[in-house]
Amino acid sequence: MVARHETRPGAAAGAGPAEFRAAVETMRAAPVRPEVHCEDMPAPQRIAPWASALSADVTVDDEDLGTGRLILLHDPAGNDAWGGTFRCVVYARADIDPELGADPMLAAVGWSWLTDALEAHGADYAAASGTVTCVTTENFGGMAEEPPTGQVEVRASWTPGADDEGNVDMTAHVEAWSELLCTAVGLPPVPEGVTAIPSRRGQRGT
């Protein structure tokens, strides 16, 4: 994956502490599944002194099945709520079968998609928190002939593990986010021992 990193308005390209710049580079270089098409997006400016963000769409046969965002926050002074100086914030949304959306267990299953992906990719993390929202829509009156629809949304954040020098490698975290998006839209996992070739379609080079 190659995604163009945009700094906050008024900041020079590549600005920020060395550990932040290094983490962003690993985030930009992390491989994702070929169905996930990433590009840079403006990061929020008021949550932390430094931030970088990616957006992604999951596309199969030219059909968009899901969308998501990943934001990396950095506060060199540390944040008690994070328990560290970095924080990952992710969002994933996917269309689902309305019958699946009505399953009372789907929210718990949706959270397990995230934690299982983090574990599967060996992401070192702590202090995870988030929400899973499941919505089904029925149509009535003049719209009664429209089929029902369903959506699931996962919003989560966690503190990525750092080495003794405070450096963070975002590779596994980006891979886990990519896997969450693919699982949410119902794509089968890549078989063990098979390496998916990352797609560069829709991705902007530096």
N, C-alpha and C. Protein backbone atom coordinates (compact mmCIF):
# COMPACT_ATOMS: atom_id res chain seq x y z
N MET A 1 0.84 -1.19 0.00
CA MET A 1 0.00 0.00 0.00
C MET A 1 0.87 1.23 0.00
N VAL A 2 0.57 2.17 -0.88
CA VAL A 2 1.27 3.44 -0.87
C VAL A 2 0.21 4.53 -0.82
N ALA A 3 0.19 5.28 0.25
CA ALA A 3 -0.80 6.34 0.39
C ALA A 3 -0.10 7.65 0.67
N ARG A 4 -0.57 8.72 0.07
CA ARG A 4 0.06 10.02 0.26
C ARG A 4 -0.33 10.58 1.61
N HIS A 5 0.65 10.96 2.40
CA HIS A 5 0.41 11.51 3.73
C HIS A 5 0.24 13.01 3.65
N GLU A 6 -0.84 13.53 4.19
CA GLU A 6 -1.06 14.96 4.24
C GLU A 6 -0.97 15.42 5.68
N THR A 7 -0.17 16.44 5.92
CA THR A 7 -0.09 16.99 7.26
C THR A 7 -1.25 17.95 7.48
N ARG A 8 -1.39 18.40 8.69
CA ARG A 8 -2.43 19.34 9.01
C ARG A 8 -2.19 20.67 8.30
N PRO A 9 -3.26 21.46 8.04
CA PRO A 9 -3.08 22.73 7.36
C PRO A 9 -2.04 23.59 8.08
N GLY A 10 -1.14 24.16 7.30
CA GLY A 10 -0.13 25.03 7.88
C GLY A 10 1.12 24.31 8.31
N ALA A 11 1.13 22.98 8.29
CA ALA A 11 2.31 22.21 8.70
C ALA A 11 3.09 21.77 7.47
N ALA A 12 4.38 21.76 7.58
CA ALA A 12 5.20 21.34 6.46
C ALA A 12 5.14 19.82 6.30
N ALA A 13 5.26 19.36 5.07
CA ALA A 13 5.23 17.93 4.82
C ALA A 13 6.34 17.25 5.61
N GLY A 14 6.02 16.12 6.24
CA GLY A 14 7.01 15.40 7.02
C GLY A 14 7.28 16.02 8.37
N ALA A 15 6.42 16.93 8.82
CA ALA A 15 6.62 17.58 10.11
C ALA A 15 6.28 16.63 11.24
N GLY A 16 6.71 17.00 12.44
CA GLY A 16 6.39 16.21 13.62
C GLY A 16 7.60 15.57 14.22
N PRO A 17 7.47 15.05 15.43
CA PRO A 17 8.58 14.36 16.08
C PRO A 17 9.03 13.15 15.26
N ALA A 18 10.28 12.77 15.45
CA ALA A 18 10.83 11.66 14.67
C ALA A 18 10.04 10.38 14.85
N GLU A 19 9.59 10.09 16.10
CA GLU A 19 8.86 8.85 16.32
C GLU A 19 7.50 8.87 15.62
N PHE A 20 6.90 10.05 15.48
CA PHE A 20 5.64 10.16 14.76
C PHE A 20 5.86 9.94 13.27
N ARG A 21 6.88 10.58 12.72
CA ARG A 21 7.17 10.44 11.29
C ARG A 21 7.48 8.98 10.96
N ALA A 22 8.21 8.30 11.84
CA ALA A 22 8.54 6.90 11.59
C ALA A 22 7.29 6.03 11.63
N ALA A 23 6.40 6.30 12.57
CA ALA A 23 5.16 5.52 12.67
C ALA A 23 4.29 5.73 11.43
N VAL A 24 4.23 6.97 10.95
CA VAL A 24 3.44 7.27 9.76
C VAL A 24 4.01 6.54 8.55
N GLU A 25 5.32 6.46 8.45
CA GLU A 25 5.93 5.75 7.33
C GLU A 25 5.54 4.27 7.34
N THR A 26 5.52 3.65 8.51
CA THR A 26 5.11 2.24 8.57
C THR A 26 3.63 2.10 8.25
N MET A 27 2.83 3.09 8.62
CA MET A 27 1.40 3.05 8.30
C MET A 27 1.20 3.15 6.79
N ARG A 28 1.94 4.00 6.14
CA ARG A 28 1.82 4.18 4.70
C ARG A 28 2.31 2.96 3.93
N ALA A 29 3.30 2.26 4.47
CA ALA A 29 3.92 1.15 3.75
C ALA A 29 3.25 -0.20 4.02
N ALA A 30 2.32 -0.26 4.97
CA ALA A 30 1.72 -1.54 5.36
C ALA A 30 0.92 -2.14 4.21
N PRO A 31 1.04 -3.44 3.98
CA PRO A 31 0.27 -4.08 2.92
C PRO A 31 -1.18 -4.30 3.34
N VAL A 32 -2.08 -4.20 2.39
CA VAL A 32 -3.50 -4.49 2.65
C VAL A 32 -4.00 -5.45 1.57
N ARG A 33 -5.13 -6.07 1.82
CA ARG A 33 -5.70 -6.99 0.84
C ARG A 33 -6.06 -6.26 -0.44
N PRO A 34 -6.06 -6.98 -1.58
CA PRO A 34 -6.31 -6.31 -2.87
C PRO A 34 -7.70 -5.70 -2.98
N GLU A 35 -8.64 -6.17 -2.17
CA GLU A 35 -10.00 -5.60 -2.25
C GLU A 35 -10.10 -4.25 -1.53
N VAL A 36 -9.07 -3.90 -0.75
CA VAL A 36 -9.10 -2.68 0.05
C VAL A 36 -8.30 -1.60 -0.67
N HIS A 37 -8.93 -0.51 -1.00
CA HIS A 37 -8.31 0.57 -1.76
C HIS A 37 -8.18 1.79 -0.85
N CYS A 38 -6.95 2.14 -0.52
CA CYS A 38 -6.67 3.18 0.47
C CYS A 38 -6.20 4.47 -0.18
N GLU A 39 -6.44 5.55 0.52
CA GLU A 39 -5.86 6.83 0.16
C GLU A 39 -5.79 7.70 1.41
N ASP A 40 -4.97 8.72 1.33
CA ASP A 40 -4.80 9.61 2.45
C ASP A 40 -6.03 10.48 2.61
N MET A 41 -6.32 10.90 3.82
CA MET A 41 -7.40 11.84 4.09
C MET A 41 -6.94 12.82 5.15
N PRO A 42 -7.52 14.02 5.21
CA PRO A 42 -7.15 14.98 6.25
C PRO A 42 -7.43 14.39 7.63
N ALA A 43 -6.49 14.57 8.53
CA ALA A 43 -6.64 14.05 9.89
C ALA A 43 -7.28 15.11 10.79
N PRO A 44 -7.99 14.69 11.83
CA PRO A 44 -8.56 15.67 12.78
C PRO A 44 -7.45 16.48 13.43
N GLN A 45 -7.74 17.76 13.72
CA GLN A 45 -6.69 18.67 14.17
C GLN A 45 -6.72 18.95 15.66
N ARG A 46 -7.78 18.66 16.35
CA ARG A 46 -7.91 19.10 17.74
C ARG A 46 -7.81 17.98 18.76
N ILE A 47 -7.69 16.74 18.30
CA ILE A 47 -7.66 15.62 19.24
C ILE A 47 -6.29 15.44 19.85
N ALA A 48 -5.25 15.65 19.03
CA ALA A 48 -3.88 15.44 19.47
C ALA A 48 -2.98 16.40 18.71
N PRO A 49 -1.79 16.68 19.24
CA PRO A 49 -0.88 17.59 18.54
C PRO A 49 -0.50 17.12 17.13
N TRP A 50 -0.42 15.81 16.93
CA TRP A 50 -0.05 15.26 15.62
C TRP A 50 -0.99 14.14 15.25
N ALA A 51 -1.36 14.08 13.96
CA ALA A 51 -2.29 13.05 13.51
C ALA A 51 -2.09 12.79 12.02
N SER A 52 -2.34 11.56 11.62
CA SER A 52 -2.31 11.17 10.22
C SER A 52 -3.45 10.18 10.01
N ALA A 53 -4.04 10.17 8.81
CA ALA A 53 -5.23 9.35 8.61
C ALA A 53 -5.28 8.74 7.22
N LEU A 54 -5.89 7.58 7.15
CA LEU A 54 -6.16 6.88 5.89
C LEU A 54 -7.66 6.60 5.81
N SER A 55 -8.18 6.63 4.59
CA SER A 55 -9.53 6.15 4.34
C SER A 55 -9.44 4.93 3.43
N ALA A 56 -10.46 4.10 3.43
CA ALA A 56 -10.44 2.90 2.61
C ALA A 56 -11.83 2.52 2.16
N ASP A 57 -11.91 1.96 0.98
CA ASP A 57 -13.14 1.36 0.47
C ASP A 57 -12.85 -0.09 0.11
N VAL A 58 -13.79 -0.97 0.43
CA VAL A 58 -13.68 -2.37 0.03
C VAL A 58 -14.51 -2.54 -1.24
N THR A 59 -13.85 -2.90 -2.32
CA THR A 59 -14.50 -2.98 -3.63
C THR A 59 -14.29 -4.36 -4.24
N VAL A 60 -15.39 -4.96 -4.66
CA VAL A 60 -15.34 -6.26 -5.34
C VAL A 60 -16.17 -6.15 -6.60
N ASP A 61 -15.57 -6.47 -7.75
CA ASP A 61 -16.26 -6.37 -9.05
C ASP A 61 -16.88 -4.99 -9.23
N ASP A 62 -16.11 -3.95 -8.89
CA ASP A 62 -16.51 -2.56 -9.06
C ASP A 62 -17.69 -2.16 -8.17
N GLU A 63 -17.99 -2.97 -7.18
CA GLU A 63 -19.07 -2.63 -6.24
C GLU A 63 -18.46 -2.32 -4.87
N ASP A 64 -18.79 -1.16 -4.34
CA ASP A 64 -18.32 -0.77 -3.01
C ASP A 64 -19.16 -1.46 -1.95
N LEU A 65 -18.50 -2.27 -1.13
CA LEU A 65 -19.21 -3.05 -0.12
C LEU A 65 -19.05 -2.49 1.29
N GLY A 66 -18.00 -1.72 1.50
CA GLY A 66 -17.76 -1.18 2.84
C GLY A 66 -16.77 -0.04 2.78
N THR A 67 -16.68 0.68 3.88
CA THR A 67 -15.77 1.82 3.94
C THR A 67 -15.21 1.94 5.35
N GLY A 68 -14.09 2.63 5.47
CA GLY A 68 -13.49 2.76 6.80
C GLY A 68 -12.46 3.86 6.86
N ARG A 69 -12.02 4.15 8.08
CA ARG A 69 -10.97 5.14 8.32
C ARG A 69 -10.05 4.63 9.41
N LEU A 70 -8.79 5.00 9.33
CA LEU A 70 -7.83 4.74 10.38
C LEU A 70 -7.08 6.03 10.66
N ILE A 71 -7.05 6.44 11.93
CA ILE A 71 -6.38 7.67 12.33
C ILE A 71 -5.32 7.31 13.37
N LEU A 72 -4.12 7.81 13.16
CA LEU A 72 -3.04 7.65 14.13
C LEU A 72 -2.83 8.98 14.83
N LEU A 73 -3.00 8.99 16.15
CA LEU A 73 -2.82 10.19 16.96
C LEU A 73 -1.52 10.08 17.74
N HIS A 74 -0.87 11.24 17.96
CA HIS A 74 0.37 11.24 18.73
C HIS A 74 0.43 12.48 19.61
N ASP A 75 0.66 12.26 20.88
CA ASP A 75 0.88 13.34 21.84
C ASP A 75 2.20 13.06 22.55
N PRO A 76 3.26 13.78 22.20
CA PRO A 76 4.57 13.50 22.80
C PRO A 76 4.57 13.60 24.32
N ALA A 77 3.64 14.38 24.89
CA ALA A 77 3.58 14.53 26.34
C ALA A 77 2.88 13.35 27.01
N GLY A 78 2.30 12.48 26.22
CA GLY A 78 1.57 11.35 26.80
C GLY A 78 0.14 11.71 27.12
N ASN A 79 -0.69 10.71 27.24
CA ASN A 79 -2.10 10.91 27.54
C ASN A 79 -2.52 9.81 28.52
N ASP A 80 -2.99 10.22 29.69
CA ASP A 80 -3.35 9.25 30.72
C ASP A 80 -4.44 8.29 30.25
N ALA A 81 -5.39 8.80 29.46
CA ALA A 81 -6.47 7.95 28.98
C ALA A 81 -5.97 6.90 27.99
N TRP A 82 -4.90 7.23 27.26
CA TRP A 82 -4.35 6.28 26.31
C TRP A 82 -3.41 5.29 26.98
N GLY A 83 -2.71 5.76 28.01
CA GLY A 83 -1.65 4.94 28.60
C GLY A 83 -0.43 4.89 27.70
N GLY A 84 -0.19 5.95 26.95
CA GLY A 84 0.94 6.01 26.03
C GLY A 84 0.94 7.31 25.28
N THR A 85 1.75 7.40 24.24
CA THR A 85 1.84 8.63 23.46
C THR A 85 1.18 8.50 22.09
N PHE A 86 0.76 7.28 21.71
CA PHE A 86 0.08 7.06 20.45
C PHE A 86 -1.30 6.46 20.70
N ARG A 87 -2.21 6.68 19.75
CA ARG A 87 -3.53 6.07 19.82
C ARG A 87 -4.03 5.82 18.41
N CYS A 88 -4.53 4.62 18.17
CA CYS A 88 -5.19 4.28 16.90
C CYS A 88 -6.70 4.45 17.06
N VAL A 89 -7.31 5.08 16.09
CA VAL A 89 -8.77 5.23 16.06
C VAL A 89 -9.26 4.71 14.72
N VAL A 90 -10.19 3.76 14.73
CA VAL A 90 -10.67 3.18 13.48
C VAL A 90 -12.18 3.21 13.40
N TYR A 91 -12.64 3.20 12.16
CA TYR A 91 -14.06 3.15 11.84
C TYR A 91 -14.24 2.20 10.68
N ALA A 92 -15.25 1.35 10.75
CA ALA A 92 -15.56 0.44 9.65
C ALA A 92 -17.07 0.34 9.51
N ARG A 93 -17.55 0.45 8.28
CA ARG A 93 -18.99 0.31 8.02
C ARG A 93 -19.20 -0.60 6.83
N ALA A 94 -20.19 -1.48 6.94
CA ALA A 94 -20.45 -2.42 5.85
C ALA A 94 -21.95 -2.70 5.76
N ASP A 95 -22.41 -2.92 4.54
CA ASP A 95 -23.78 -3.38 4.32
C ASP A 95 -23.83 -4.87 4.64
N ILE A 96 -24.90 -5.28 5.30
CA ILE A 96 -25.06 -6.68 5.67
C ILE A 96 -26.47 -7.14 5.37
N ASP A 97 -26.66 -8.44 5.39
CA ASP A 97 -27.99 -9.02 5.22
C ASP A 97 -28.88 -8.55 6.37
N PRO A 98 -30.09 -8.04 6.09
CA PRO A 98 -30.97 -7.56 7.17
C PRO A 98 -31.25 -8.60 8.24
N GLU A 99 -31.34 -9.87 7.85
CA GLU A 99 -31.57 -10.91 8.84
C GLU A 99 -30.40 -11.03 9.79
N LEU A 100 -29.19 -10.86 9.26
CA LEU A 100 -28.00 -10.88 10.11
C LEU A 100 -28.00 -9.67 11.03
N GLY A 101 -28.45 -8.53 10.51
CA GLY A 101 -28.48 -7.32 11.32
C GLY A 101 -29.42 -7.41 12.51
N ALA A 102 -30.43 -8.27 12.41
CA ALA A 102 -31.38 -8.44 13.50
C ALA A 102 -30.90 -9.42 14.55
N ASP A 103 -29.78 -10.07 14.32
CA ASP A 103 -29.25 -11.04 15.28
C ASP A 103 -28.72 -10.31 16.51
N PRO A 104 -29.25 -10.59 17.71
CA PRO A 104 -28.80 -9.88 18.91
C PRO A 104 -27.34 -10.14 19.26
N MET A 105 -26.74 -11.17 18.69
CA MET A 105 -25.34 -11.46 18.96
C MET A 105 -24.37 -10.75 18.02
N LEU A 106 -24.92 -10.05 17.00
CA LEU A 106 -24.04 -9.48 15.98
C LEU A 106 -23.08 -8.44 16.56
N ALA A 107 -23.52 -7.64 17.51
CA ALA A 107 -22.64 -6.62 18.07
C ALA A 107 -21.40 -7.25 18.70
N ALA A 108 -21.62 -8.30 19.50
CA ALA A 108 -20.48 -8.98 20.13
C ALA A 108 -19.59 -9.63 19.08
N VAL A 109 -20.21 -10.20 18.05
CA VAL A 109 -19.45 -10.81 16.98
C VAL A 109 -18.64 -9.74 16.24
N GLY A 110 -19.26 -8.58 16.01
CA GLY A 110 -18.56 -7.50 15.33
C GLY A 110 -17.33 -7.03 16.09
N TRP A 111 -17.41 -6.99 17.40
CA TRP A 111 -16.24 -6.61 18.21
C TRP A 111 -15.16 -7.69 18.11
N SER A 112 -15.58 -8.95 18.05
CA SER A 112 -14.60 -10.03 17.93
C SER A 112 -13.88 -9.98 16.59
N TRP A 113 -14.54 -9.44 15.53
CA TRP A 113 -13.86 -9.29 14.25
C TRP A 113 -12.60 -8.44 14.43
N LEU A 114 -12.72 -7.39 15.23
CA LEU A 114 -11.58 -6.51 15.46
C LEU A 114 -10.51 -7.18 16.30
N THR A 115 -10.90 -7.71 17.44
CA THR A 115 -9.90 -8.30 18.34
C THR A 115 -9.24 -9.52 17.72
N ASP A 116 -10.00 -10.31 16.98
CA ASP A 116 -9.42 -11.47 16.30
C ASP A 116 -8.42 -11.02 15.24
N ALA A 117 -8.74 -9.93 14.52
CA ALA A 117 -7.83 -9.44 13.48
C ALA A 117 -6.54 -8.91 14.10
N LEU A 118 -6.65 -8.19 15.20
CA LEU A 118 -5.45 -7.70 15.87
C LEU A 118 -4.57 -8.85 16.33
N GLU A 119 -5.20 -9.88 16.89
CA GLU A 119 -4.44 -11.04 17.36
C GLU A 119 -3.82 -11.80 16.20
N ALA A 120 -4.60 -11.98 15.12
CA ALA A 120 -4.11 -12.75 13.99
C ALA A 120 -2.90 -12.11 13.33
N HIS A 121 -2.85 -10.79 13.34
CA HIS A 121 -1.74 -10.08 12.70
C HIS A 121 -0.63 -9.72 13.68
N GLY A 122 -0.77 -10.17 14.92
CA GLY A 122 0.29 -9.96 15.89
C GLY A 122 0.45 -8.52 16.32
N ALA A 123 -0.63 -7.76 16.33
CA ALA A 123 -0.57 -6.36 16.74
C ALA A 123 -0.50 -6.27 18.26
N ASP A 124 0.50 -5.58 18.75
CA ASP A 124 0.66 -5.34 20.18
C ASP A 124 -0.17 -4.13 20.55
N TYR A 125 -1.17 -4.30 21.44
CA TYR A 125 -2.06 -3.17 21.76
C TYR A 125 -2.56 -3.29 23.20
N ALA A 126 -3.11 -2.17 23.67
CA ALA A 126 -3.67 -2.13 25.02
C ALA A 126 -4.82 -1.11 25.04
N ALA A 127 -5.60 -1.18 26.11
CA ALA A 127 -6.67 -0.20 26.39
C ALA A 127 -7.62 -0.03 25.22
N ALA A 128 -8.07 -1.15 24.65
CA ALA A 128 -9.02 -1.08 23.54
C ALA A 128 -10.42 -0.73 24.05
N SER A 129 -11.11 0.08 23.29
CA SER A 129 -12.50 0.42 23.61
C SER A 129 -13.23 0.76 22.32
N GLY A 130 -14.57 0.69 22.37
CA GLY A 130 -15.30 1.02 21.16
C GLY A 130 -16.75 0.63 21.21
N THR A 131 -17.42 0.77 20.08
CA THR A 131 -18.84 0.45 19.96
C THR A 131 -19.08 -0.30 18.66
N VAL A 132 -20.15 -1.10 18.67
CA VAL A 132 -20.62 -1.76 17.45
C VAL A 132 -22.10 -1.44 17.32
N THR A 133 -22.47 -0.88 16.19
CA THR A 133 -23.86 -0.48 15.94
C THR A 133 -24.41 -1.29 14.78
N CYS A 134 -25.56 -1.91 14.99
CA CYS A 134 -26.22 -2.71 13.96
C CYS A 134 -27.57 -2.06 13.65
N VAL A 135 -27.83 -1.79 12.38
CA VAL A 135 -29.05 -1.09 11.98
C VAL A 135 -29.73 -1.85 10.86
N THR A 136 -31.04 -2.05 10.99
CA THR A 136 -31.83 -2.61 9.90
C THR A 136 -32.92 -1.60 9.54
N THR A 137 -33.22 -1.52 8.25
CA THR A 137 -34.20 -0.55 7.77
C THR A 137 -35.29 -1.25 6.98
N GLU A 138 -36.54 -1.04 7.39
CA GLU A 138 -37.70 -1.56 6.68
C GLU A 138 -38.39 -0.39 6.00
N ASN A 139 -38.94 -0.62 4.82
CA ASN A 139 -39.60 0.43 4.04
C ASN A 139 -41.11 0.23 4.02
N PHE A 140 -41.84 1.34 4.06
CA PHE A 140 -43.30 1.27 4.14
C PHE A 140 -43.94 2.28 3.18
N GLY A 141 -45.26 2.15 3.02
CA GLY A 141 -46.00 3.08 2.17
C GLY A 141 -45.53 3.02 0.74
N GLY A 142 -45.22 4.21 0.20
CA GLY A 142 -44.77 4.28 -1.18
C GLY A 142 -43.44 3.62 -1.43
N MET A 143 -42.70 3.31 -0.35
CA MET A 143 -41.39 2.66 -0.49
C MET A 143 -41.45 1.18 -0.10
N ALA A 144 -42.66 0.65 0.07
CA ALA A 144 -42.81 -0.72 0.57
C ALA A 144 -42.17 -1.76 -0.33
N GLU A 145 -42.05 -1.45 -1.62
CA GLU A 145 -41.47 -2.43 -2.54
C GLU A 145 -39.95 -2.46 -2.46
N GLU A 146 -39.37 -1.47 -1.81
CA GLU A 146 -37.92 -1.46 -1.66
C GLU A 146 -37.50 -2.54 -0.66
N PRO A 147 -36.45 -3.30 -0.95
CA PRO A 147 -36.03 -4.36 -0.03
C PRO A 147 -35.46 -3.77 1.26
N PRO A 148 -35.56 -4.50 2.36
CA PRO A 148 -34.96 -4.04 3.61
C PRO A 148 -33.43 -4.02 3.48
N THR A 149 -32.79 -3.21 4.29
CA THR A 149 -31.34 -3.11 4.26
C THR A 149 -30.79 -3.24 5.67
N GLY A 150 -29.50 -3.56 5.76
CA GLY A 150 -28.84 -3.66 7.06
C GLY A 150 -27.43 -3.11 6.97
N GLN A 151 -26.95 -2.57 8.09
CA GLN A 151 -25.59 -2.05 8.17
C GLN A 151 -25.00 -2.37 9.53
N VAL A 152 -23.69 -2.55 9.56
CA VAL A 152 -22.98 -2.69 10.82
C VAL A 152 -21.85 -1.67 10.81
N GLU A 153 -21.65 -1.01 11.95
CA GLU A 153 -20.58 -0.04 12.11
C GLU A 153 -19.75 -0.40 13.33
N VAL A 154 -18.45 -0.40 13.15
CA VAL A 154 -17.52 -0.64 14.26
C VAL A 154 -16.68 0.63 14.44
N ARG A 155 -16.71 1.18 15.64
CA ARG A 155 -15.87 2.32 15.99
C ARG A 155 -15.02 1.89 17.18
N ALA A 156 -13.72 2.04 17.06
CA ALA A 156 -12.84 1.53 18.12
C ALA A 156 -11.56 2.34 18.20
N SER A 157 -10.91 2.24 19.34
CA SER A 157 -9.59 2.84 19.50
C SER A 157 -8.77 1.97 20.44
N TRP A 158 -7.46 2.05 20.27
CA TRP A 158 -6.56 1.29 21.14
C TRP A 158 -5.18 1.95 21.11
N THR A 159 -4.38 1.61 22.09
CA THR A 159 -3.02 2.13 22.18
C THR A 159 -2.05 1.11 21.61
N PRO A 160 -1.37 1.45 20.52
CA PRO A 160 -0.41 0.48 19.93
C PRO A 160 0.82 0.35 20.80
N GLY A 161 1.37 -0.84 20.85
CA GLY A 161 2.58 -1.07 21.64
C GLY A 161 3.78 -0.35 21.04
N ALA A 162 4.67 0.10 21.90
CA ALA A 162 5.88 0.80 21.47
C ALA A 162 7.11 0.07 21.98
N ASP A 163 8.25 0.27 21.31
CA ASP A 163 9.48 -0.34 21.78
C ASP A 163 10.11 0.51 22.89
N ASP A 164 11.27 0.14 23.34
CA ASP A 164 11.90 0.82 24.47
C ASP A 164 12.22 2.29 24.17
N GLU A 165 12.35 2.63 22.88
CA GLU A 165 12.64 4.02 22.50
C GLU A 165 11.36 4.80 22.20
N GLY A 166 10.20 4.16 22.40
CA GLY A 166 8.94 4.83 22.14
C GLY A 166 8.49 4.79 20.69
N ASN A 167 9.13 3.98 19.86
CA ASN A 167 8.76 3.88 18.45
C ASN A 167 7.63 2.88 18.26
N VAL A 168 6.75 3.19 17.32
CA VAL A 168 5.59 2.34 17.03
C VAL A 168 5.64 1.90 15.58
N ASP A 169 5.49 0.60 15.35
CA ASP A 169 5.38 0.04 14.01
C ASP A 169 3.89 -0.21 13.75
N MET A 170 3.33 0.49 12.78
CA MET A 170 1.89 0.43 12.52
C MET A 170 1.50 -0.69 11.56
N THR A 171 2.46 -1.45 11.07
CA THR A 171 2.17 -2.44 10.03
C THR A 171 1.04 -3.39 10.43
N ALA A 172 1.18 -4.05 11.56
CA ALA A 172 0.18 -5.04 11.98
C ALA A 172 -1.17 -4.39 12.26
N HIS A 173 -1.17 -3.17 12.72
CA HIS A 173 -2.42 -2.47 13.03
C HIS A 173 -3.19 -2.12 11.76
N VAL A 174 -2.47 -1.70 10.72
CA VAL A 174 -3.12 -1.43 9.44
C VAL A 174 -3.64 -2.72 8.82
N GLU A 175 -2.85 -3.78 8.91
CA GLU A 175 -3.30 -5.06 8.38
C GLU A 175 -4.56 -5.54 9.10
N ALA A 176 -4.62 -5.36 10.41
CA ALA A 176 -5.79 -5.78 11.18
C ALA A 176 -7.02 -4.96 10.80
N TRP A 177 -6.83 -3.65 10.61
CA TRP A 177 -7.93 -2.79 10.17
C TRP A 177 -8.44 -3.23 8.80
N SER A 178 -7.53 -3.54 7.89
CA SER A 178 -7.91 -4.03 6.57
C SER A 178 -8.71 -5.33 6.70
N GLU A 179 -8.25 -6.24 7.58
CA GLU A 179 -8.95 -7.51 7.77
C GLU A 179 -10.34 -7.29 8.38
N LEU A 180 -10.46 -6.33 9.30
CA LEU A 180 -11.77 -6.01 9.87
C LEU A 180 -12.74 -5.58 8.78
N LEU A 181 -12.30 -4.71 7.88
CA LEU A 181 -13.16 -4.25 6.80
C LEU A 181 -13.61 -5.41 5.92
N CYS A 182 -12.68 -6.30 5.59
CA CYS A 182 -13.02 -7.43 4.72
C CYS A 182 -13.96 -8.41 5.41
N THR A 183 -13.74 -8.65 6.69
CA THR A 183 -14.62 -9.54 7.43
C THR A 183 -16.02 -8.96 7.52
N ALA A 184 -16.11 -7.66 7.76
CA ALA A 184 -17.41 -7.01 7.91
C ALA A 184 -18.26 -7.12 6.64
N VAL A 185 -17.62 -7.08 5.47
CA VAL A 185 -18.39 -7.19 4.23
C VAL A 185 -18.60 -8.62 3.80
N GLY A 186 -18.05 -9.58 4.56
CA GLY A 186 -18.30 -10.98 4.29
C GLY A 186 -17.30 -11.68 3.40
N LEU A 187 -16.13 -11.06 3.19
CA LEU A 187 -15.11 -11.72 2.38
C LEU A 187 -14.45 -12.83 3.19
N PRO A 188 -14.13 -13.95 2.57
CA PRO A 188 -13.46 -15.04 3.30
C PRO A 188 -12.04 -14.65 3.64
N PRO A 189 -11.49 -15.19 4.72
CA PRO A 189 -10.09 -14.88 5.08
C PRO A 189 -9.13 -15.46 4.06
N VAL A 190 -7.97 -14.83 3.94
CA VAL A 190 -6.93 -15.36 3.07
C VAL A 190 -6.40 -16.64 3.70
N PRO A 191 -6.34 -17.75 2.96
CA PRO A 191 -5.87 -19.01 3.54
C PRO A 191 -4.48 -18.88 4.14
N GLU A 192 -4.26 -19.59 5.24
CA GLU A 192 -2.96 -19.56 5.89
C GLU A 192 -1.87 -20.02 4.94
N GLY A 193 -0.79 -19.29 4.92
CA GLY A 193 0.32 -19.62 4.03
C GLY A 193 0.24 -18.97 2.67
N VAL A 194 -0.90 -18.28 2.39
CA VAL A 194 -1.07 -17.58 1.12
C VAL A 194 -0.94 -16.09 1.37
N THR A 195 -0.09 -15.44 0.62
CA THR A 195 0.10 -14.00 0.76
C THR A 195 -0.68 -13.28 -0.33
N ALA A 196 -1.62 -12.42 0.11
CA ALA A 196 -2.39 -11.65 -0.86
C ALA A 196 -1.51 -10.56 -1.44
N ILE A 197 -1.60 -10.38 -2.76
CA ILE A 197 -0.82 -9.32 -3.41
C ILE A 197 -1.60 -8.01 -3.26
N PRO A 198 -1.02 -7.02 -2.59
CA PRO A 198 -1.74 -5.76 -2.38
C PRO A 198 -2.08 -5.09 -3.71
N SER A 199 -3.30 -4.54 -3.78
CA SER A 199 -3.71 -3.79 -4.95
C SER A 199 -3.33 -2.32 -4.76
N ARG A 200 -2.89 -1.69 -5.81
CA ARG A 200 -2.57 -0.27 -5.75
C ARG A 200 -3.62 0.57 -6.45
N ARG A 201 -4.68 -0.06 -6.92
CA ARG A 201 -5.74 0.68 -7.59
C ARG A 201 -6.40 1.63 -6.60
N GLY A 202 -6.57 2.85 -7.00
CA GLY A 202 -7.22 3.81 -6.12
C GLY A 202 -6.31 4.38 -5.06
N GLN A 203 -5.03 4.01 -5.06
CA GLN A 203 -4.12 4.49 -4.04
C GLN A 203 -3.17 5.50 -4.66
N ARG A 204 -2.91 6.55 -3.93
CA ARG A 204 -2.10 7.64 -4.45
C ARG A 204 -0.67 7.48 -3.99
N GLY A 205 0.25 7.56 -4.92
CA GLY A 205 1.66 7.48 -4.56
C GLY A 205 2.16 8.81 -4.04
N THR A 206 3.31 8.74 -3.37
CA THR A 206 3.90 9.96 -2.86
C THR A 206 4.49 10.77 -4.01
